[in-house]
Amino acid sequence: MLAETRRRHLRELVTRQGYATLDELVRVLGVSESTIRRDLEALDLAGSIKRTHGGAVYAGEVRSMPAFDERTGTAAAEKRAIGQAAAALLQDGDTVLLDGGTTTWEVARALVGRRIQVVTNSLPIAQLLASSQQTDLILIGGYVYPRTGVALGPLAIATMQSLRVRTAILGAGGIVPEGIYNSNSLLVETERQMMSCGQEVMIVADHTKFGRLALARLCGLGEIDSVVVDSGLAPEHRGVLEAAGVAIHVAPVAESRNNGALMEPARSDGQARTERVGTEA
C-alpha cells in the first residue's frame, strides 16, 4: 500500500472513531509499528490528528463557525507555536480554564492526550477535546455566540463562580500600555469571571495584537501573571510588559518571517523562553 493511501486510511479511521491505539492501527493497516509511527508523525505535522502516548486522536479543524474559521488562518504559524509553548508550561494533573478563540484553540490542540482537566466555554475547543480519553473536559453553558461558538452571559458567569482552576488562559483582541482589550463587551464580562477563577492568569496572543486597541477593556497589565507570545514581539511592547511585571514566555516560530527576517527555529519540546524584568531563563 502506498504511503499516501495508507495515511488517508489511517486519518479516516482516527477521524471516525475519535481515537485509535497504536496496536489497533498496526493490526488494521497490516504494517509495522515503526511505519505507523512515521505516518502518525507526518499526519500530526499536517494538523489532521494529534499523536498521543500509545496512539492518536482526531484533531481536525472546526469548519462550522465562519468567524472562527476566518481567523484560524491569520498568523497560523505563530498561533500554533504559542499554543505548544503555553501547553508546555502546564503540568500533568493541572486544571486549566480555556477561553474561546483561535489561539486558545491551539493550546487545546497541544493538550490533546495530556492527563489534564480542561474547563472551557468554547464549543470548538470542547469538540476538539471530547475524544481525548486522558483529558477531563468540563463545558460551561450559557448563551452561545453563533459566529464563534463561545458561551457568554449570566449563565456562564454564574457557572464559573463556584469554580477554581490552576491557570486561566485567555486570548486578547488588543494589548496596549493601558491594558488588555477584546472586541465584545459581553465576552469581556465573561472573561473577567474567568480571571477570578484562576490562581494564575495567562494571556496567549501573537505579536500583531500588541499596540492595537479593541472595543472593550478587560483589565490592566498588572492584573495578569504571564503572556505567551511569538518571537515577533517588538522591543517597545516587551518593555511595556516588563514594566508591569508580567512574565514573558517567547514561543519561537519555525518557517515564519517577521519584518523580512527569519525567526529562530522552534524547539522540539515546544518550550518557550521565559523572561521577567531583569532576568532571563
C-alpha atoms as a PDB file:
ATOM      1  CA  MET A   1       0.000   0.000   0.000  1.00  0.00           C
ATOM      2  CA  LEU A   2       1.341   3.418  -0.945  1.00  0.00           C
ATOM      3  CA  ALA A   3       2.171   5.767   1.921  1.00  0.00           C
ATOM      4  CA  GLU A   4      -0.370   8.349   0.738  1.00  0.00           C
ATOM      5  CA  THR A   5      -3.158   5.773   0.609  1.00  0.00           C
ATOM      6  CA  ARG A   6      -2.188   4.258   3.957  1.00  0.00           C
ATOM      7  CA  ARG A   7      -2.144   7.631   5.659  1.00  0.00           C
ATOM      8  CA  ARG A   8      -5.525   8.504   4.212  1.00  0.00           C
ATOM      9  CA  HIS A   9      -6.957   5.275   5.665  1.00  0.00           C
ATOM     10  CA  LEU A  10      -5.261   5.985   8.977  1.00  0.00           C
ATOM     11  CA  ARG A  11      -6.658   9.510   9.109  1.00  0.00           C
ATOM     12  CA  GLU A  12     -10.154   8.310   8.222  1.00  0.00           C
ATOM     13  CA  LEU A  13     -10.042   5.659  10.961  1.00  0.00           C
ATOM     14  CA  VAL A  14      -8.942   8.117  13.653  1.00  0.00           C
ATOM     15  CA  THR A  15     -11.458  10.723  12.458  1.00  0.00           C
ATOM     16  CA  ARG A  16     -14.320   8.221  12.512  1.00  0.00           C
ATOM     17  CA  GLN A  17     -13.517   6.775  15.941  1.00  0.00           C
ATOM     18  CA  GLY A  18     -12.067   9.890  17.536  1.00  0.00           C
ATOM     19  CA  TYR A  19      -9.196   7.797  18.923  1.00  0.00           C
ATOM     20  CA  ALA A  20      -7.134   4.766  17.866  1.00  0.00           C
ATOM     21  CA  THR A  21      -4.360   2.879  19.619  1.00  0.00           C
ATOM     22  CA  LEU A  22      -1.028   2.098  18.017  1.00  0.00           C
ATOM     23  CA  ASP A  23      -1.727  -1.641  18.213  1.00  0.00           C
ATOM     24  CA  GLU A  24      -5.084  -1.183  16.509  1.00  0.00           C
ATOM     25  CA  LEU A  25      -3.562   0.805  13.654  1.00  0.00           C
ATOM     26  CA  VAL A  26      -0.840  -1.814  13.130  1.00  0.00           C
ATOM     27  CA  ARG A  27      -3.454  -4.572  13.024  1.00  0.00           C
ATOM     28  CA  VAL A  28      -5.919  -2.791  10.723  1.00  0.00           C
ATOM     29  CA  LEU A  29      -3.360  -1.457   8.265  1.00  0.00           C
ATOM     30  CA  GLY A  30      -1.111  -4.524   8.309  1.00  0.00           C
ATOM     31  CA  VAL A  31       2.211  -2.668   8.577  1.00  0.00           C
ATOM     32  CA  SER A  32       4.960  -2.413  11.165  1.00  0.00           C
ATOM     33  CA  GLU A  33       4.802  -0.277  14.283  1.00  0.00           C
ATOM     34  CA  SER A  34       7.681   1.869  13.049  1.00  0.00           C
ATOM     35  CA  THR A  35       5.779   2.599   9.828  1.00  0.00           C
ATOM     36  CA  ILE A  36       2.686   3.627  11.780  1.00  0.00           C
ATOM     37  CA  ARG A  37       4.797   5.895  13.988  1.00  0.00           C
ATOM     38  CA  ARG A  38       6.199   7.639  10.915  1.00  0.00           C
ATOM     39  CA  ASP A  39       2.708   8.022   9.484  1.00  0.00           C
ATOM     40  CA  LEU A  40       1.418   9.475  12.741  1.00  0.00           C
ATOM     41  CA  GLU A  41       4.273  11.941  12.864  1.00  0.00           C
ATOM     42  CA  ALA A  42       3.531  13.108   9.319  1.00  0.00           C
ATOM     43  CA  LEU A  43      -0.200  13.487   9.992  1.00  0.00           C
ATOM     44  CA  ASP A  44       0.458  15.275  13.280  1.00  0.00           C
ATOM     45  CA  LEU A  45       2.643  17.804  11.473  1.00  0.00           C
ATOM     46  CA  ALA A  46      -0.119  18.257   8.904  1.00  0.00           C
ATOM     47  CA  GLY A  47      -2.521  19.084  11.723  1.00  0.00           C
ATOM     48  CA  SER A  48      -5.214  16.490  11.000  1.00  0.00           C
ATOM     49  CA  ILE A  49      -4.515  14.263  14.001  1.00  0.00           C
ATOM     50  CA  LYS A  50      -2.688  14.551  17.304  1.00  0.00           C
ATOM     51  CA  ARG A  51      -0.208  11.901  18.406  1.00  0.00           C
ATOM     52  CA  THR A  52      -0.591  10.636  21.962  1.00  0.00           C
ATOM     53  CA  HIS A  53       1.210   8.104  24.088  1.00  0.00           C
ATOM     54  CA  GLY A  54       0.137   4.815  22.532  1.00  0.00           C
ATOM     55  CA  GLY A  55      -1.993   6.120  19.676  1.00  0.00           C
ATOM     56  CA  ALA A  56      -3.637   9.170  18.125  1.00  0.00           C
ATOM     57  CA  VAL A  57      -6.766  11.285  18.485  1.00  0.00           C
ATOM     58  CA  TYR A  58      -8.709  13.356  15.993  1.00  0.00           C
ATOM     59  CA  ALA A  59      -7.611  16.985  15.907  1.00  0.00           C
ATOM     60  CA  GLY A  60      -9.232  18.292  12.759  1.00  0.00           C
ATOM     61  CA  GLU A  61     -10.232  21.906  12.321  1.00  0.00           C
ATOM     62  CA  VAL A  62     -13.725  23.121  13.105  1.00  0.00           C
ATOM     63  CA  ARG A  63     -15.455  24.457   9.974  1.00  0.00           C
ATOM     64  CA  SER A  64     -18.996  25.140  11.133  1.00  0.00           C
ATOM     65  CA  MET A  65     -18.413  28.655  12.537  1.00  0.00           C
ATOM     66  CA  PRO A  66     -17.401  31.165   9.855  1.00  0.00           C
ATOM     67  CA  ALA A  67     -15.828  33.819  12.092  1.00  0.00           C
ATOM     68  CA  PHE A  68     -13.756  31.217  13.890  1.00  0.00           C
ATOM     69  CA  ASP A  69     -12.668  29.657  10.618  1.00  0.00           C
ATOM     70  CA  GLU A  70     -11.717  33.014   9.092  1.00  0.00           C
ATOM     71  CA  ARG A  71      -9.405  33.864  11.992  1.00  0.00           C
ATOM     72  CA  THR A  72      -7.773  30.434  12.072  1.00  0.00           C
ATOM     73  CA  GLY A  73      -5.610  31.228   9.056  1.00  0.00           C
ATOM     74  CA  THR A  74      -4.341  34.555  10.439  1.00  0.00           C
ATOM     75  CA  ALA A  75      -0.829  34.260  11.950  1.00  0.00           C
ATOM     76  CA  ALA A  76      -1.342  30.476  11.901  1.00  0.00           C
ATOM     77  CA  ALA A  77       2.312  29.512  12.494  1.00  0.00           C
ATOM     78  CA  GLU A  78       2.593  31.983  15.355  1.00  0.00           C
ATOM     79  CA  LYS A  79      -0.605  30.757  16.994  1.00  0.00           C
ATOM     80  CA  ARG A  80       0.466  27.128  16.752  1.00  0.00           C
ATOM     81  CA  ALA A  81       3.860  27.903  18.325  1.00  0.00           C
ATOM     82  CA  ILE A  82       2.151  29.878  21.101  1.00  0.00           C
ATOM     83  CA  GLY A  83      -0.268  27.017  21.750  1.00  0.00           C
ATOM     84  CA  GLN A  84       2.547  24.495  22.044  1.00  0.00           C
ATOM     85  CA  ALA A  85       4.580  26.762  24.320  1.00  0.00           C
ATOM     86  CA  ALA A  86       1.622  27.515  26.590  1.00  0.00           C
ATOM     87  CA  ALA A  87       0.756  23.818  26.880  1.00  0.00           C
ATOM     88  CA  ALA A  88       4.374  23.025  27.770  1.00  0.00           C
ATOM     89  CA  LEU A  89       4.086  25.361  30.769  1.00  0.00           C
ATOM     90  CA  LEU A  90       1.247  23.266  32.224  1.00  0.00           C
ATOM     91  CA  GLN A  91       1.794  20.212  34.395  1.00  0.00           C
ATOM     92  CA  ASP A  92       0.002  16.883  34.090  1.00  0.00           C
ATOM     93  CA  GLY A  93      -2.825  16.841  36.598  1.00  0.00           C
ATOM     94  CA  ASP A  94      -3.422  20.604  36.343  1.00  0.00           C
ATOM     95  CA  THR A  95      -6.863  22.115  35.949  1.00  0.00           C
ATOM     96  CA  VAL A  96      -6.949  24.842  33.311  1.00  0.00           C
ATOM     97  CA  LEU A  97      -9.668  27.162  32.072  1.00  0.00           C
ATOM     98  CA  LEU A  98      -9.528  27.945  28.352  1.00  0.00           C
ATOM     99  CA  ASP A  99     -11.229  30.975  26.848  1.00  0.00           C
ATOM    100  CA  GLY A 100     -12.653  30.643  23.335  1.00  0.00           C
ATOM    101  CA  GLY A 101     -10.581  31.774  20.369  1.00  0.00           C
ATOM    102  CA  THR A 102      -8.198  30.551  17.697  1.00  0.00           C
ATOM    103  CA  THR A 103      -5.062  30.925  19.831  1.00  0.00           C
ATOM    104  CA  THR A 104      -6.567  29.174  22.857  1.00  0.00           C
ATOM    105  CA  TRP A 105      -7.788  26.505  20.397  1.00  0.00           C
ATOM    106  CA  GLU A 106      -4.141  25.873  19.545  1.00  0.00           C
ATOM    107  CA  VAL A 107      -3.412  25.498  23.267  1.00  0.00           C
ATOM    108  CA  ALA A 108      -6.184  22.913  23.442  1.00  0.00           C
ATOM    109  CA  ARG A 109      -4.809  21.150  20.384  1.00  0.00           C
ATOM    110  CA  ALA A 110      -1.442  20.812  22.111  1.00  0.00           C
ATOM    111  CA  LEU A 111      -3.171  19.409  25.207  1.00  0.00           C
ATOM    112  CA  VAL A 112      -4.944  16.561  23.388  1.00  0.00           C
ATOM    113  CA  GLY A 113      -3.885  13.305  25.013  1.00  0.00           C
ATOM    114  CA  ARG A 114      -2.447  15.013  28.104  1.00  0.00           C
ATOM    115  CA  ARG A 115      -3.616  13.977  31.593  1.00  0.00           C
ATOM    116  CA  ILE A 116      -5.161  17.326  32.392  1.00  0.00           C
ATOM    117  CA  GLN A 117      -8.569  18.780  33.279  1.00  0.00           C
ATOM    118  CA  VAL A 118      -9.885  21.466  30.946  1.00  0.00           C
ATOM    119  CA  VAL A 119     -12.757  23.836  31.671  1.00  0.00           C
ATOM    120  CA  THR A 120     -13.949  25.833  28.657  1.00  0.00           C
ATOM    121  CA  ASN A 121     -16.845  27.885  27.298  1.00  0.00           C
ATOM    122  CA  SER A 122     -15.827  27.147  23.706  1.00  0.00           C
ATOM    123  CA  LEU A 123     -17.701  24.635  21.560  1.00  0.00           C
ATOM    124  CA  PRO A 124     -14.770  24.284  19.093  1.00  0.00           C
ATOM    125  CA  ILE A 125     -12.387  23.501  21.965  1.00  0.00           C
ATOM    126  CA  ALA A 126     -14.873  21.079  23.528  1.00  0.00           C
ATOM    127  CA  GLN A 127     -15.308  19.333  20.181  1.00  0.00           C
ATOM    128  CA  LEU A 128     -11.549  19.006  19.862  1.00  0.00           C
ATOM    129  CA  LEU A 129     -11.038  17.542  23.344  1.00  0.00           C
ATOM    130  CA  ALA A 130     -14.152  15.378  23.602  1.00  0.00           C
ATOM    131  CA  SER A 131     -12.404  12.362  22.022  1.00  0.00           C
ATOM    132  CA  SER A 132      -9.335  12.528  24.258  1.00  0.00           C
ATOM    133  CA  GLN A 133      -9.554   9.712  26.781  1.00  0.00           C
ATOM    134  CA  GLN A 134      -6.846  11.205  29.006  1.00  0.00           C
ATOM    135  CA  THR A 135      -8.283  14.734  29.171  1.00  0.00           C
ATOM    136  CA  ASP A 136     -11.174  15.546  31.509  1.00  0.00           C
ATOM    137  CA  LEU A 137     -13.494  18.091  29.895  1.00  0.00           C
ATOM    138  CA  ILE A 138     -15.942  20.454  31.618  1.00  0.00           C
ATOM    139  CA  LEU A 139     -18.077  22.575  29.279  1.00  0.00           C
ATOM    140  CA  ILE A 140     -19.522  25.847  30.571  1.00  0.00           C
ATOM    141  CA  GLY A 141     -23.020  26.637  29.352  1.00  0.00           C
ATOM    142  CA  GLY A 142     -24.721  29.911  28.525  1.00  0.00           C
ATOM    143  CA  TYR A 143     -25.754  31.996  25.542  1.00  0.00           C
ATOM    144  CA  VAL A 144     -23.723  30.640  22.606  1.00  0.00           C
ATOM    145  CA  TYR A 145     -22.434  33.397  20.364  1.00  0.00           C
ATOM    146  CA  PRO A 146     -23.245  31.833  16.966  1.00  0.00           C
ATOM    147  CA  ARG A 147     -20.295  33.203  14.974  1.00  0.00           C
ATOM    148  CA  THR A 148     -17.614  31.763  17.271  1.00  0.00           C
ATOM    149  CA  GLY A 149     -19.362  29.090  19.350  1.00  0.00           C
ATOM    150  CA  VAL A 150     -18.439  30.639  22.713  1.00  0.00           C
ATOM    151  CA  ALA A 151     -20.848  30.566  25.684  1.00  0.00           C
ATOM    152  CA  LEU A 152     -21.279  34.010  27.236  1.00  0.00           C
ATOM    153  CA  GLY A 153     -23.542  35.916  29.594  1.00  0.00           C
ATOM    154  CA  PRO A 154     -25.123  35.499  33.049  1.00  0.00           C
ATOM    155  CA  LEU A 155     -25.475  31.715  32.966  1.00  0.00           C
ATOM    156  CA  ALA A 156     -21.832  31.193  32.013  1.00  0.00           C
ATOM    157  CA  ILE A 157     -20.737  33.651  34.692  1.00  0.00           C
ATOM    158  CA  ALA A 158     -22.912  32.004  37.353  1.00  0.00           C
ATOM    159  CA  THR A 159     -21.481  28.583  36.482  1.00  0.00           C
ATOM    160  CA  MET A 160     -17.923  29.804  36.903  1.00  0.00           C
ATOM    161  CA  GLN A 161     -18.493  31.492  40.252  1.00  0.00           C
ATOM    162  CA  SER A 162     -18.025  28.176  42.058  1.00  0.00           C
ATOM    163  CA  LEU A 163     -15.004  27.046  40.021  1.00  0.00           C
ATOM    164  CA  ARG A 164     -11.294  27.356  40.784  1.00  0.00           C
ATOM    165  CA  VAL A 165      -8.514  26.384  38.401  1.00  0.00           C
ATOM    166  CA  ARG A 166      -4.733  26.435  38.456  1.00  0.00           C
ATOM    167  CA  THR A 167      -4.424  28.583  35.323  1.00  0.00           C
ATOM    168  CA  ALA A 168      -6.928  30.670  33.370  1.00  0.00           C
ATOM    169  CA  ILE A 169      -5.754  31.099  29.761  1.00  0.00           C
ATOM    170  CA  LEU A 170      -7.343  33.883  27.761  1.00  0.00           C
ATOM    171  CA  GLY A 171      -6.883  35.391  24.326  1.00  0.00           C
ATOM    172  CA  ALA A 172      -6.827  39.100  23.517  1.00  0.00           C
ATOM    173  CA  GLY A 173      -8.022  41.381  20.765  1.00  0.00           C
ATOM    174  CA  GLY A 174      -5.568  44.121  21.651  1.00  0.00           C
ATOM    175  CA  ILE A 175      -2.771  44.810  24.133  1.00  0.00           C
ATOM    176  CA  VAL A 176      -1.626  48.364  24.886  1.00  0.00           C
ATOM    177  CA  PRO A 177       0.029  50.029  27.917  1.00  0.00           C
ATOM    178  CA  GLU A 178      -3.441  50.738  29.340  1.00  0.00           C
ATOM    179  CA  GLY A 179      -4.291  47.046  29.443  1.00  0.00           C
ATOM    180  CA  ILE A 180      -5.891  44.082  27.675  1.00  0.00           C
ATOM    181  CA  TYR A 181      -8.812  44.668  25.305  1.00  0.00           C
ATOM    182  CA  ASN A 182     -11.271  42.493  23.425  1.00  0.00           C
ATOM    183  CA  SER A 183     -13.825  43.069  20.702  1.00  0.00           C
ATOM    184  CA  ASN A 184     -17.047  42.164  22.513  1.00  0.00           C
ATOM    185  CA  SER A 185     -18.259  43.695  25.794  1.00  0.00           C
ATOM    186  CA  LEU A 186     -20.267  40.568  26.684  1.00  0.00           C
ATOM    187  CA  LEU A 187     -17.151  38.476  26.100  1.00  0.00           C
ATOM    188  CA  VAL A 188     -15.090  40.764  28.322  1.00  0.00           C
ATOM    189  CA  GLU A 189     -17.653  40.459  31.131  1.00  0.00           C
ATOM    190  CA  THR A 190     -17.386  36.666  30.924  1.00  0.00           C
ATOM    191  CA  GLU A 191     -13.580  36.790  30.756  1.00  0.00           C
ATOM    192  CA  ARG A 192     -13.411  38.850  33.949  1.00  0.00           C
ATOM    193  CA  GLN A 193     -15.147  35.999  35.737  1.00  0.00           C
ATOM    194  CA  MET A 194     -12.673  33.567  34.153  1.00  0.00           C
ATOM    195  CA  MET A 195      -9.814  35.596  35.586  1.00  0.00           C
ATOM    196  CA  SER A 196     -11.291  35.345  39.078  1.00  0.00           C
ATOM    197  CA  CYS A 197     -11.369  31.528  38.747  1.00  0.00           C
ATOM    198  CA  GLY A 198      -7.622  31.197  38.168  1.00  0.00           C
ATOM    199  CA  GLN A 199      -4.764  31.126  40.631  1.00  0.00           C
ATOM    200  CA  GLU A 200      -2.759  32.425  37.688  1.00  0.00           C
ATOM    201  CA  VAL A 201      -3.915  34.319  34.601  1.00  0.00           C
ATOM    202  CA  MET A 202      -2.110  33.746  31.295  1.00  0.00           C
ATOM    203  CA  ILE A 203      -2.714  35.688  28.087  1.00  0.00           C
ATOM    204  CA  VAL A 204      -1.901  34.000  24.772  1.00  0.00           C
ATOM    205  CA  ALA A 205      -1.580  36.421  21.861  1.00  0.00           C
ATOM    206  CA  ASP A 206       0.501  36.760  18.721  1.00  0.00           C
ATOM    207  CA  HIS A 207       2.626  39.859  18.173  1.00  0.00           C
ATOM    208  CA  THR A 208       0.069  41.518  15.877  1.00  0.00           C
ATOM    209  CA  LYS A 209      -2.239  42.085  18.875  1.00  0.00           C
ATOM    210  CA  PHE A 210       0.268  44.423  20.560  1.00  0.00           C
ATOM    211  CA  GLY A 211      -0.222  48.137  20.070  1.00  0.00           C
ATOM    212  CA  ARG A 212      -3.787  47.501  18.912  1.00  0.00           C
ATOM    213  CA  LEU A 213      -6.976  48.650  20.627  1.00  0.00           C
ATOM    214  CA  ALA A 214     -10.275  46.786  20.699  1.00  0.00           C
ATOM    215  CA  LEU A 215     -13.765  47.755  21.820  1.00  0.00           C
ATOM    216  CA  ALA A 216     -13.845  46.769  25.493  1.00  0.00           C
ATOM    217  CA  ARG A 217     -11.170  46.855  28.206  1.00  0.00           C
ATOM    218  CA  LEU A 218     -10.695  43.586  30.065  1.00  0.00           C
ATOM    219  CA  CYS A 219      -8.071  44.507  32.660  1.00  0.00           C
ATOM    220  CA  GLY A 220      -4.810  46.274  33.352  1.00  0.00           C
ATOM    221  CA  LEU A 221      -1.496  44.605  32.581  1.00  0.00           C
ATOM    222  CA  GLY A 222      -0.764  44.326  36.298  1.00  0.00           C
ATOM    223  CA  GLU A 223      -3.761  42.027  36.718  1.00  0.00           C
ATOM    224  CA  ILE A 224      -2.250  39.225  34.635  1.00  0.00           C
ATOM    225  CA  ASP A 225       0.645  36.948  35.541  1.00  0.00           C
ATOM    226  CA  SER A 226       2.114  35.964  32.185  1.00  0.00           C
ATOM    227  CA  VAL A 227       1.932  36.363  28.426  1.00  0.00           C
ATOM    228  CA  VAL A 228       2.864  33.754  25.825  1.00  0.00           C
ATOM    229  CA  VAL A 229       3.761  35.458  22.550  1.00  0.00           C
ATOM    230  CA  ASP A 230       5.694  34.623  19.404  1.00  0.00           C
ATOM    231  CA  SER A 231       9.188  35.917  18.766  1.00  0.00           C
ATOM    232  CA  GLY A 232       7.884  38.747  16.585  1.00  0.00           C
ATOM    233  CA  LEU A 233       7.170  40.788  19.718  1.00  0.00           C
ATOM    234  CA  ALA A 234       8.611  44.285  19.228  1.00  0.00           C
ATOM    235  CA  PRO A 235      11.079  45.644  21.849  1.00  0.00           C
ATOM    236  CA  GLU A 236       8.795  48.525  22.842  1.00  0.00           C
ATOM    237  CA  HIS A 237       5.935  46.140  23.595  1.00  0.00           C
ATOM    238  CA  ARG A 238       8.277  43.848  25.512  1.00  0.00           C
ATOM    239  CA  GLY A 239       9.300  46.836  27.607  1.00  0.00           C
ATOM    240  CA  VAL A 240       5.681  47.642  28.461  1.00  0.00           C
ATOM    241  CA  LEU A 241       5.103  44.093  29.719  1.00  0.00           C
ATOM    242  CA  GLU A 242       8.321  44.105  31.711  1.00  0.00           C
ATOM    243  CA  ALA A 243       7.433  47.429  33.352  1.00  0.00           C
ATOM    244  CA  ALA A 244       4.149  45.869  34.514  1.00  0.00           C
ATOM    245  CA  GLY A 245       5.979  42.854  35.996  1.00  0.00           C
ATOM    246  CA  VAL A 246       4.435  40.385  33.560  1.00  0.00           C
ATOM    247  CA  ALA A 247       6.318  37.143  32.847  1.00  0.00           C
ATOM    248  CA  ILE A 248       7.028  36.874  29.104  1.00  0.00           C
ATOM    249  CA  HIS A 249       7.173  33.420  27.517  1.00  0.00           C
ATOM    250  CA  VAL A 250       8.544  33.675  23.980  1.00  0.00           C
ATOM    251  CA  ALA A 251       7.464  30.946  21.571  1.00  0.00           C
ATOM    252  CA  PRO A 252       9.943  30.590  18.680  1.00  0.00           C
ATOM    253  CA  VAL A 253       8.248  30.210  15.311  1.00  0.00           C
ATOM    254  CA  ALA A 254       9.688  27.984  12.605  1.00  0.00           C
ATOM    255  CA  GLU A 255       9.434  28.960   8.933  1.00  0.00           C
ATOM    256  CA  SER A 256       7.795  32.290   9.630  1.00  0.00           C
ATOM    257  CA  ARG A 257       9.074  35.770   8.869  1.00  0.00           C
ATOM    258  CA  ASN A 258       8.851  38.980  10.813  1.00  0.00           C
ATOM    259  CA  ASN A 259       9.858  42.209   9.078  1.00  0.00           C
ATOM    260  CA  GLY A 260      11.754  40.168   6.495  1.00  0.00           C
ATOM    261  CA  ALA A 261      13.937  38.286   8.986  1.00  0.00           C
ATOM    262  CA  LEU A 262      13.616  34.560   9.529  1.00  0.00           C
ATOM    263  CA  MET A 263      12.529  33.761  13.062  1.00  0.00           C
ATOM    264  CA  GLU A 264      14.520  31.292  15.112  1.00  0.00           C
ATOM    265  CA  PRO A 265      13.535  27.610  14.771  1.00  0.00           C
ATOM    266  CA  ALA A 266      11.083  26.234  17.272  1.00  0.00           C
ATOM    267  CA  ARG A 267      12.396  23.923  19.957  1.00  0.00           C
ATOM    268  CA  SER A 268      11.403  20.318  19.541  1.00  0.00           C
ATOM    269  CA  ASP A 269       9.780  20.213  23.009  1.00  0.00           C
ATOM    270  CA  GLY A 270       7.616  23.253  22.309  1.00  0.00           C
ATOM    271  CA  GLN A 271       9.049  25.007  25.360  1.00  0.00           C
ATOM    272  CA  ALA A 272       9.178  28.791  25.324  1.00  0.00           C
ATOM    273  CA  ARG A 273      11.917  31.061  26.598  1.00  0.00           C
ATOM    274  CA  THR A 274      10.782  32.732  29.823  1.00  0.00           C
ATOM    275  CA  GLU A 275      11.726  36.297  30.685  1.00  0.00           C
ATOM    276  CA  ARG A 276      10.982  38.567  33.606  1.00  0.00           C
ATOM    277  CA  VAL A 277      12.148  42.013  34.499  1.00  0.00           C
ATOM    278  CA  GLY A 278      15.931  41.846  34.793  1.00  0.00           C
ATOM    279  CA  THR A 279      16.083  38.076  34.330  1.00  0.00           C
ATOM    280  CA  GLU A 280      16.114  35.555  31.520  1.00  0.00           C
ATOM    281  CA  ALA A 281      15.687  31.795  31.847  1.00  0.00           C
END
